[in-house]
Amino acid sequence: MIKSNAASVEFRDVTKVYGKSPVPAVNNVSLFVEAGKLVTLLGPSGCGKTTTLRMIAGLEMATRGHILIGGADVTHLPATDRDVSMVFQSYALFPHMTVNENVEYGLKFSGFAKREIGDRARAGLELVGLGGYGNRLPSELSGGQQQRVAVARALVLEPQVLLFDEPLSNLDAKLRRRVREEIRDIQTKLGLTVVYVTHDQEEALAVSDRIIVMNNAVIAQDGTPRELYDAPADAFVADFIGEANIFDCEIASVDGQLANVRLGGFETQLDARGMRPGPAKLAVRPSRIQIRTVGAPSTIPGRLDKVTYVGSDLEFMIGTEFGEVFAVSSDVDAPFVPGQDVGVGFAARGPVLIRA
């Protein structure tokens, strides 16, 4: 039976510099991953997320700062002395070994008796839905099955922390959805501490308890998937976590928690988010823009430049006085056509103020 030894992970002002480079790969990062939670490091290539993951594993050493696992300082410990397992993007399975032998490999160096090694390997394969596949070679498995073997190999070691480095990038879209659900189910069932790296925002939203968005070697925002989607901290997070329309606006005045906002000739009240009167930006998700008839209350005049049917949705490009607007509607039978004049409105939970 596989059990969880879940432990917290903490970074205290951690910096990583490679060689004599003047630009840190990770710059003064502090974070906390609660035991038993799945936290995703999300960001574009080169933002520092993989370096952060490798420092947790001990595959890279911090230049400055402290790394703690389960409250114990592991900053200077090598990978072999950290109770951490990692699932790599490439799966890293031995092609000449059977599935059983791949899963048993790490256990053979951990001091377990032969019988217990076999029992753990079988339990691990059952857990990932591959019971009965033990005698096959990796080449006889699909990509998704190979990824599950890699997960089983990591799980049987019962690590304090399980790390995933872009685990689904080699799979097609439909298979990615299925495998990410399986990973999330296993994590929840066992109460594992998981740190998960991806550049795919949909994947991050689907699997995470929390998401840490990184940009240019620092943390841009840390929060739940809904917090990041509904209340991005800045234009980078708004545009990276799902698509967003970003508009220049003006905060005319602030009354308590409410800001009076002007967008061209349109005025509305929004959560001030601690901002003061002056230039700002407005972020609006495409699905939270509403297309109405011309002259409808609380709308901005616009003209449909493009209407595209994409199966489950209609996509619209709308020209307005403050720029082009991208909108999405699930009403695929909506009677809108290119060239049509419309009113552009916002859903109640639509626009969010962000700093200019």
Protein backbone atom coordinates (compact mmCIF):
# COMPACT_ATOMS: atom_id res chain seq x y z
CA MET A 1 0.00 0.00 0.00
CA ILE A 2 1.38 3.40 -1.01
CA LYS A 3 1.08 6.08 1.67
CA SER A 4 1.80 9.79 1.83
CA ASN A 5 4.66 11.38 3.77
CA ALA A 6 3.60 14.83 2.59
CA ALA A 7 5.72 17.75 3.79
CA SER A 8 5.68 21.49 3.19
CA VAL A 9 8.16 23.31 0.94
CA GLU A 10 9.43 26.79 1.70
CA PHE A 11 11.77 29.21 -0.09
CA ARG A 12 13.19 32.10 1.90
CA ASP A 13 14.69 34.82 -0.29
CA VAL A 14 16.19 32.29 -2.71
CA THR A 15 18.38 33.46 -5.59
CA LYS A 16 20.07 31.35 -8.26
CA VAL A 17 22.83 32.75 -10.46
CA TYR A 18 24.58 30.62 -13.08
CA GLY A 19 28.30 31.26 -13.33
CA LYS A 20 29.17 34.91 -13.80
CA SER A 21 25.88 35.83 -15.42
CA PRO A 22 24.69 39.30 -14.35
CA VAL A 23 21.06 38.16 -14.65
CA PRO A 24 19.73 35.77 -11.96
CA ALA A 25 17.73 32.74 -13.13
CA VAL A 26 15.69 33.07 -9.91
CA ASN A 27 15.77 36.37 -8.04
CA ASN A 28 15.02 36.66 -4.32
CA VAL A 29 12.01 34.31 -4.39
CA SER A 30 10.01 33.48 -1.26
CA LEU A 31 7.17 30.95 -1.39
CA PHE A 32 5.37 28.37 0.73
CA VAL A 33 3.76 25.14 -0.43
CA GLU A 34 1.44 23.64 2.16
CA ALA A 35 1.75 19.90 2.84
CA GLY A 36 -0.76 17.86 0.87
CA LYS A 37 -1.44 20.53 -1.75
CA LEU A 38 -0.73 20.73 -5.48
CA VAL A 39 0.95 24.01 -6.39
CA THR A 40 1.87 24.89 -9.97
CA LEU A 41 4.77 27.07 -11.08
CA LEU A 42 3.49 28.72 -14.25
CA GLY A 43 5.17 31.06 -16.68
CA PRO A 44 6.81 31.48 -20.07
CA SER A 45 10.10 29.88 -21.08
CA GLY A 46 13.04 31.37 -19.20
CA CYS A 47 10.98 32.78 -16.32
CA GLY A 48 12.73 30.64 -13.65
CA LYS A 49 10.07 28.02 -12.93
CA THR A 50 12.14 24.95 -13.89
CA THR A 51 15.18 26.26 -12.03
CA THR A 52 12.96 26.69 -8.95
CA LEU A 53 11.75 23.10 -9.29
CA ARG A 54 15.29 21.78 -9.71
CA MET A 55 16.40 23.63 -6.57
CA ILE A 56 13.65 21.85 -4.60
CA ALA A 57 14.96 18.54 -5.98
CA GLY A 58 18.58 19.39 -5.18
CA LEU A 59 19.57 19.20 -8.85
CA GLU A 60 20.56 22.86 -8.63
CA MET A 61 21.95 24.61 -5.56
CA ALA A 62 20.74 28.00 -4.40
CA THR A 63 23.26 30.83 -4.66
CA ARG A 64 21.62 32.64 -1.75
CA GLY A 65 18.70 32.06 0.59
CA HIS A 66 17.25 28.99 2.29
CA ILE A 67 15.14 26.02 1.13
CA LEU A 68 13.15 24.03 3.69
CA ILE A 69 11.26 20.76 3.30
CA GLY A 70 9.03 19.76 6.18
CA GLY A 71 10.59 22.59 8.19
CA ALA A 72 14.12 21.17 7.82
CA ASP A 73 16.76 23.23 6.04
CA VAL A 74 17.90 21.28 2.96
CA THR A 75 19.62 24.18 1.18
CA HIS A 76 23.01 22.47 1.01
CA LEU A 77 21.87 18.84 0.85
CA PRO A 78 22.46 16.91 -2.40
CA ALA A 79 19.53 15.39 -4.28
CA THR A 80 20.25 11.94 -2.85
CA ASP A 81 19.66 13.21 0.69
CA ARG A 82 16.33 14.88 0.00
CA ASP A 83 13.12 12.87 0.29
CA VAL A 84 11.89 14.08 -3.09
CA SER A 85 10.91 12.30 -6.32
CA MET A 86 10.70 13.88 -9.77
CA VAL A 87 8.71 12.98 -12.87
CA PHE A 88 10.44 14.31 -15.97
CA GLN A 89 9.06 15.57 -19.26
CA SER A 90 10.88 12.77 -21.13
CA TYR A 91 9.56 10.01 -18.76
CA ALA A 92 13.19 8.70 -18.45
CA LEU A 93 12.16 5.04 -18.55
CA PHE A 94 14.78 2.36 -19.22
CA PRO A 95 13.80 0.88 -22.62
CA HIS A 96 15.43 -2.52 -21.97
CA MET A 97 13.61 -3.02 -18.65
CA THR A 98 10.04 -4.18 -18.17
CA VAL A 99 7.45 -1.89 -16.60
CA ASN A 100 7.87 -3.74 -13.28
CA GLU A 101 11.65 -3.38 -13.39
CA ASN A 102 11.35 0.34 -14.13
CA VAL A 103 9.04 0.89 -11.17
CA GLU A 104 11.21 -1.26 -8.88
CA TYR A 105 14.46 0.44 -9.88
CA GLY A 106 14.59 3.17 -7.24
CA LEU A 107 13.35 0.81 -4.51
CA LYS A 108 16.36 -1.49 -5.00
CA PHE A 109 18.62 1.29 -3.73
CA SER A 110 16.43 2.13 -0.74
CA GLY A 111 17.07 -0.91 1.45
CA PHE A 112 13.73 -2.68 1.00
CA ALA A 113 13.42 -6.46 1.04
CA LYS A 114 12.83 -8.14 -2.33
CA ARG A 115 9.25 -9.10 -1.48
CA GLU A 116 8.37 -5.59 -0.35
CA ILE A 117 9.87 -4.15 -3.54
CA GLY A 118 7.56 -6.38 -5.59
CA ASP A 119 4.53 -5.51 -3.46
CA ARG A 120 5.19 -1.79 -3.71
CA ALA A 121 5.69 -1.95 -7.47
CA ARG A 122 2.40 -3.79 -7.95
CA ALA A 123 0.58 -1.34 -5.68
CA GLY A 124 2.05 1.60 -7.60
CA LEU A 125 0.97 0.21 -10.96
CA GLU A 126 -2.53 -0.53 -9.65
CA LEU A 127 -2.76 3.03 -8.37
CA VAL A 128 -2.06 4.49 -11.83
CA GLY A 129 -4.36 2.01 -13.58
CA LEU A 130 -1.65 -0.22 -15.02
CA GLY A 131 -2.13 -3.43 -13.04
CA GLY A 132 -1.31 -6.33 -15.36
CA TYR A 133 1.12 -4.28 -17.48
CA GLY A 134 4.18 -5.17 -15.42
CA ASN A 135 5.80 -7.55 -17.93
CA ARG A 136 5.55 -5.20 -20.90
CA LEU A 137 8.39 -3.05 -22.23
CA PRO A 138 7.98 0.74 -22.42
CA SER A 139 7.94 0.52 -26.23
CA GLU A 140 4.74 -1.53 -25.98
CA LEU A 141 2.91 1.29 -24.16
CA SER A 142 1.29 4.50 -25.35
CA GLY A 143 2.73 7.88 -24.35
CA GLY A 144 0.09 8.31 -21.66
CA GLN A 145 0.82 4.85 -20.24
CA GLN A 146 4.55 5.55 -20.18
CA GLN A 147 3.90 8.75 -18.26
CA ARG A 148 1.85 6.80 -15.71
CA VAL A 149 4.72 4.33 -15.28
CA ALA A 150 6.99 7.29 -14.50
CA VAL A 151 4.44 8.52 -11.92
CA ALA A 152 4.23 5.03 -10.34
CA ARG A 153 8.04 4.84 -10.13
CA ALA A 154 8.06 8.12 -8.21
CA LEU A 155 5.10 7.26 -5.97
CA VAL A 156 6.46 3.94 -4.69
CA LEU A 157 9.31 5.76 -2.97
CA GLU A 158 6.71 7.58 -0.83
CA PRO A 159 8.50 10.93 -1.11
CA GLN A 160 7.78 13.95 1.04
CA VAL A 161 7.43 16.00 -2.14
CA LEU A 162 6.59 14.87 -5.68
CA LEU A 163 7.81 17.11 -8.51
CA PHE A 164 6.50 17.26 -12.07
CA ASP A 165 8.48 19.00 -14.82
CA GLU A 166 6.22 19.71 -17.84
CA PRO A 167 4.83 16.14 -17.54
CA LEU A 168 2.23 16.38 -20.32
CA SER A 169 4.09 18.30 -23.02
CA ASN A 170 4.77 15.17 -25.10
CA LEU A 171 1.11 14.12 -25.22
CA ASP A 172 -1.64 15.16 -27.62
CA ALA A 173 -4.40 17.50 -26.40
CA LYS A 174 -7.04 14.87 -25.63
CA LEU A 175 -4.56 12.64 -23.80
CA ARG A 176 -3.21 15.61 -21.83
CA ARG A 177 -6.66 16.25 -20.39
CA ARG A 178 -7.05 12.63 -19.29
CA VAL A 179 -3.59 12.26 -17.76
CA ARG A 180 -3.79 15.56 -15.88
CA GLU A 181 -7.07 14.39 -14.34
CA GLU A 182 -5.40 11.13 -13.31
CA ILE A 183 -2.48 12.99 -11.72
CA ARG A 184 -4.89 15.23 -9.82
CA ASP A 185 -6.97 12.26 -8.66
CA ILE A 186 -3.88 10.44 -7.32
CA GLN A 187 -2.60 13.58 -5.60
CA THR A 188 -5.97 14.15 -3.91
CA LYS A 189 -6.45 10.50 -2.97
CA LEU A 190 -3.03 10.17 -1.31
CA GLY A 191 -2.78 13.73 0.03
CA LEU A 192 0.57 14.26 -1.71
CA THR A 193 2.57 17.47 -1.73
CA VAL A 194 3.08 18.19 -5.43
CA VAL A 195 4.98 21.01 -7.12
CA TYR A 196 4.08 21.04 -10.79
CA VAL A 197 5.76 23.04 -13.57
CA THR A 198 4.00 23.98 -16.80
CA HIS A 199 3.75 26.82 -19.31
CA ASP A 200 0.16 25.78 -20.17
CA GLN A 201 -2.31 28.02 -18.32
CA GLU A 202 -5.31 25.73 -18.95
CA GLU A 203 -3.39 22.81 -17.45
CA ALA A 204 -2.45 24.92 -14.42
CA LEU A 205 -6.04 26.07 -13.85
CA ALA A 206 -7.29 22.47 -14.09
CA VAL A 207 -4.97 20.76 -11.59
CA SER A 208 -3.88 23.33 -9.02
CA ASP A 209 -4.81 24.26 -5.48
CA ARG A 210 -2.62 27.33 -6.00
CA ILE A 211 -0.71 28.80 -8.91
CA ILE A 212 2.53 30.74 -8.62
CA VAL A 213 2.98 32.81 -11.78
CA MET A 214 6.61 33.63 -12.53
CA ASN A 215 8.02 36.24 -14.89
CA ASN A 216 11.60 37.41 -15.36
CA ALA A 217 12.91 35.31 -12.43
CA VAL A 218 10.45 36.65 -9.84
CA ILE A 219 6.93 35.84 -8.65
CA ALA A 220 4.36 37.96 -10.48
CA GLN A 221 1.37 36.66 -8.48
CA ASP A 222 0.51 33.79 -6.12
CA GLY A 223 -3.10 32.69 -5.60
CA THR A 224 -5.87 30.21 -6.29
CA PRO A 225 -6.83 29.60 -9.93
CA ARG A 226 -10.00 31.67 -9.49
CA GLU A 227 -8.14 34.55 -7.81
CA LEU A 228 -5.64 34.76 -10.65
CA TYR A 229 -8.31 34.51 -13.33
CA ASP A 230 -10.78 36.94 -11.76
CA ALA A 231 -8.33 39.42 -10.19
CA PRO A 232 -4.96 39.43 -12.00
CA ALA A 233 -2.32 41.63 -10.41
CA ASP A 234 -1.08 43.20 -13.64
CA ALA A 235 -1.29 43.08 -17.43
CA PHE A 236 1.21 40.20 -17.67
CA VAL A 237 -0.82 37.91 -15.39
CA ALA A 238 -4.11 38.98 -17.01
CA ASP A 239 -2.84 38.08 -20.46
CA PHE A 240 -0.96 34.92 -19.42
CA ILE A 241 -3.76 33.35 -17.36
CA GLY A 242 -6.27 33.09 -20.18
CA GLU A 243 -6.78 35.77 -22.80
CA ALA A 244 -7.69 39.29 -21.78
CA ASN A 245 -8.54 42.57 -23.43
CA ILE A 246 -6.35 45.29 -21.89
CA PHE A 247 -7.61 48.86 -22.21
CA ASP A 248 -6.20 52.21 -21.10
CA CYS A 249 -8.60 53.94 -18.72
CA GLU A 250 -8.75 56.74 -16.17
CA ILE A 251 -9.68 56.51 -12.50
CA ALA A 252 -11.62 59.76 -12.07
CA SER A 253 -12.11 59.41 -8.31
CA VAL A 254 -12.08 56.87 -5.49
CA ASP A 255 -14.80 56.62 -2.83
CA GLY A 256 -13.86 54.05 -0.19
CA GLN A 257 -13.41 50.71 -2.01
CA LEU A 258 -15.02 51.92 -5.25
CA ALA A 259 -13.31 53.65 -8.16
CA ASN A 260 -15.18 55.75 -10.71
CA VAL A 261 -13.62 54.68 -14.00
CA ARG A 262 -13.76 56.28 -17.45
CA LEU A 263 -13.15 54.27 -20.58
CA GLY A 264 -13.53 56.61 -23.53
CA GLY A 265 -17.03 58.00 -23.15
CA PHE A 266 -18.12 55.09 -20.94
CA GLU A 267 -18.18 55.35 -17.14
CA THR A 268 -18.53 52.62 -14.52
CA GLN A 269 -17.71 51.81 -10.89
CA LEU A 270 -15.25 49.06 -10.01
CA ASP A 271 -13.29 47.73 -7.03
CA ALA A 272 -10.44 50.22 -6.61
CA ARG A 273 -8.01 47.46 -5.51
CA GLY A 274 -6.04 50.04 -3.52
CA MET A 275 -5.46 52.27 -6.54
CA ARG A 276 -5.69 56.07 -6.61
CA PRO A 277 -7.08 58.51 -9.19
CA GLY A 278 -5.06 58.68 -12.39
CA PRO A 279 -4.18 56.53 -15.42
CA ALA A 280 -4.84 52.80 -15.10
CA LYS A 281 -5.66 49.78 -17.22
CA LEU A 282 -8.75 47.65 -17.47
CA ALA A 283 -8.57 43.87 -18.03
CA VAL A 284 -11.66 42.12 -19.42
CA ARG A 285 -11.95 38.42 -20.28
CA PRO A 286 -13.40 37.74 -23.76
CA SER A 287 -16.15 35.57 -22.26
CA ARG A 288 -17.23 38.46 -20.03
CA ILE A 289 -17.86 40.89 -22.85
CA GLN A 290 -21.50 40.98 -23.88
CA ILE A 291 -22.70 41.91 -27.36
CA ARG A 292 -26.04 43.69 -27.27
CA THR A 293 -28.22 45.70 -29.61
CA VAL A 294 -27.18 49.23 -30.58
CA GLY A 295 -28.08 51.80 -27.94
CA ALA A 296 -28.73 49.28 -25.15
CA PRO A 297 -28.13 50.76 -21.66
CA SER A 298 -24.58 50.60 -20.26
CA THR A 299 -22.98 49.75 -23.60
CA ILE A 300 -20.28 51.21 -25.81
CA PRO A 301 -20.95 51.59 -29.56
CA GLY A 302 -19.04 49.14 -31.73
CA ARG A 303 -19.02 47.41 -35.09
CA LEU A 304 -18.46 43.71 -35.71
CA ASP A 305 -15.34 43.36 -37.84
CA LYS A 306 -15.25 39.57 -37.75
CA VAL A 307 -17.46 36.68 -36.60
CA THR A 308 -15.85 33.22 -36.43
CA TYR A 309 -17.55 29.91 -35.65
CA VAL A 310 -15.18 27.57 -33.75
CA GLY A 311 -17.57 24.76 -32.80
CA SER A 312 -18.48 25.34 -29.18
CA ASP A 313 -18.21 29.16 -29.40
CA LEU A 314 -18.52 32.19 -31.61
CA GLU A 315 -15.52 34.55 -31.60
CA PHE A 316 -15.96 38.23 -32.36
CA MET A 317 -13.58 41.06 -33.22
CA ILE A 318 -15.30 44.38 -32.53
CA GLY A 319 -14.05 47.84 -33.44
CA THR A 320 -14.72 50.51 -30.77
CA GLU A 321 -13.60 54.05 -29.96
CA PHE A 322 -11.00 52.68 -27.52
CA GLY A 323 -9.60 49.95 -29.77
CA GLU A 324 -10.34 46.45 -30.97
CA VAL A 325 -12.22 44.12 -28.61
CA PHE A 326 -12.08 40.32 -28.66
CA ALA A 327 -15.21 38.57 -27.35
CA VAL A 328 -16.37 34.96 -27.06
CA SER A 329 -19.93 33.68 -26.75
CA SER A 330 -21.24 30.15 -26.25
CA ASP A 331 -24.43 31.16 -28.07
CA VAL A 332 -23.40 29.77 -31.46
CA ASP A 333 -26.82 30.62 -32.93
CA ALA A 334 -26.56 34.32 -32.11
CA PRO A 335 -27.77 36.35 -35.14
CA PHE A 336 -24.68 38.55 -35.53
CA VAL A 337 -22.88 39.17 -38.82
CA PRO A 338 -19.73 41.07 -39.85
CA GLY A 339 -20.34 44.77 -40.46
CA GLN A 340 -23.20 44.92 -37.96
CA ASP A 341 -23.37 47.80 -35.45
CA VAL A 342 -23.68 46.56 -31.87
CA GLY A 343 -23.46 47.66 -28.26
CA VAL A 344 -20.55 46.33 -26.21
CA GLY A 345 -21.29 45.68 -22.54
CA PHE A 346 -19.55 44.01 -19.62
CA ALA A 347 -20.76 41.17 -17.40
CA ALA A 348 -21.22 42.01 -13.71
CA ARG A 349 -17.94 40.26 -12.88
CA GLY A 350 -16.30 41.47 -16.07
CA PRO A 351 -13.77 44.35 -15.90
CA VAL A 352 -10.90 44.43 -13.39
CA LEU A 353 -8.65 47.40 -12.68
CA ILE A 354 -4.90 46.78 -12.98
CA ARG A 355 -2.02 49.18 -12.66
CA ALA A 356 -0.91 51.12 -15.71
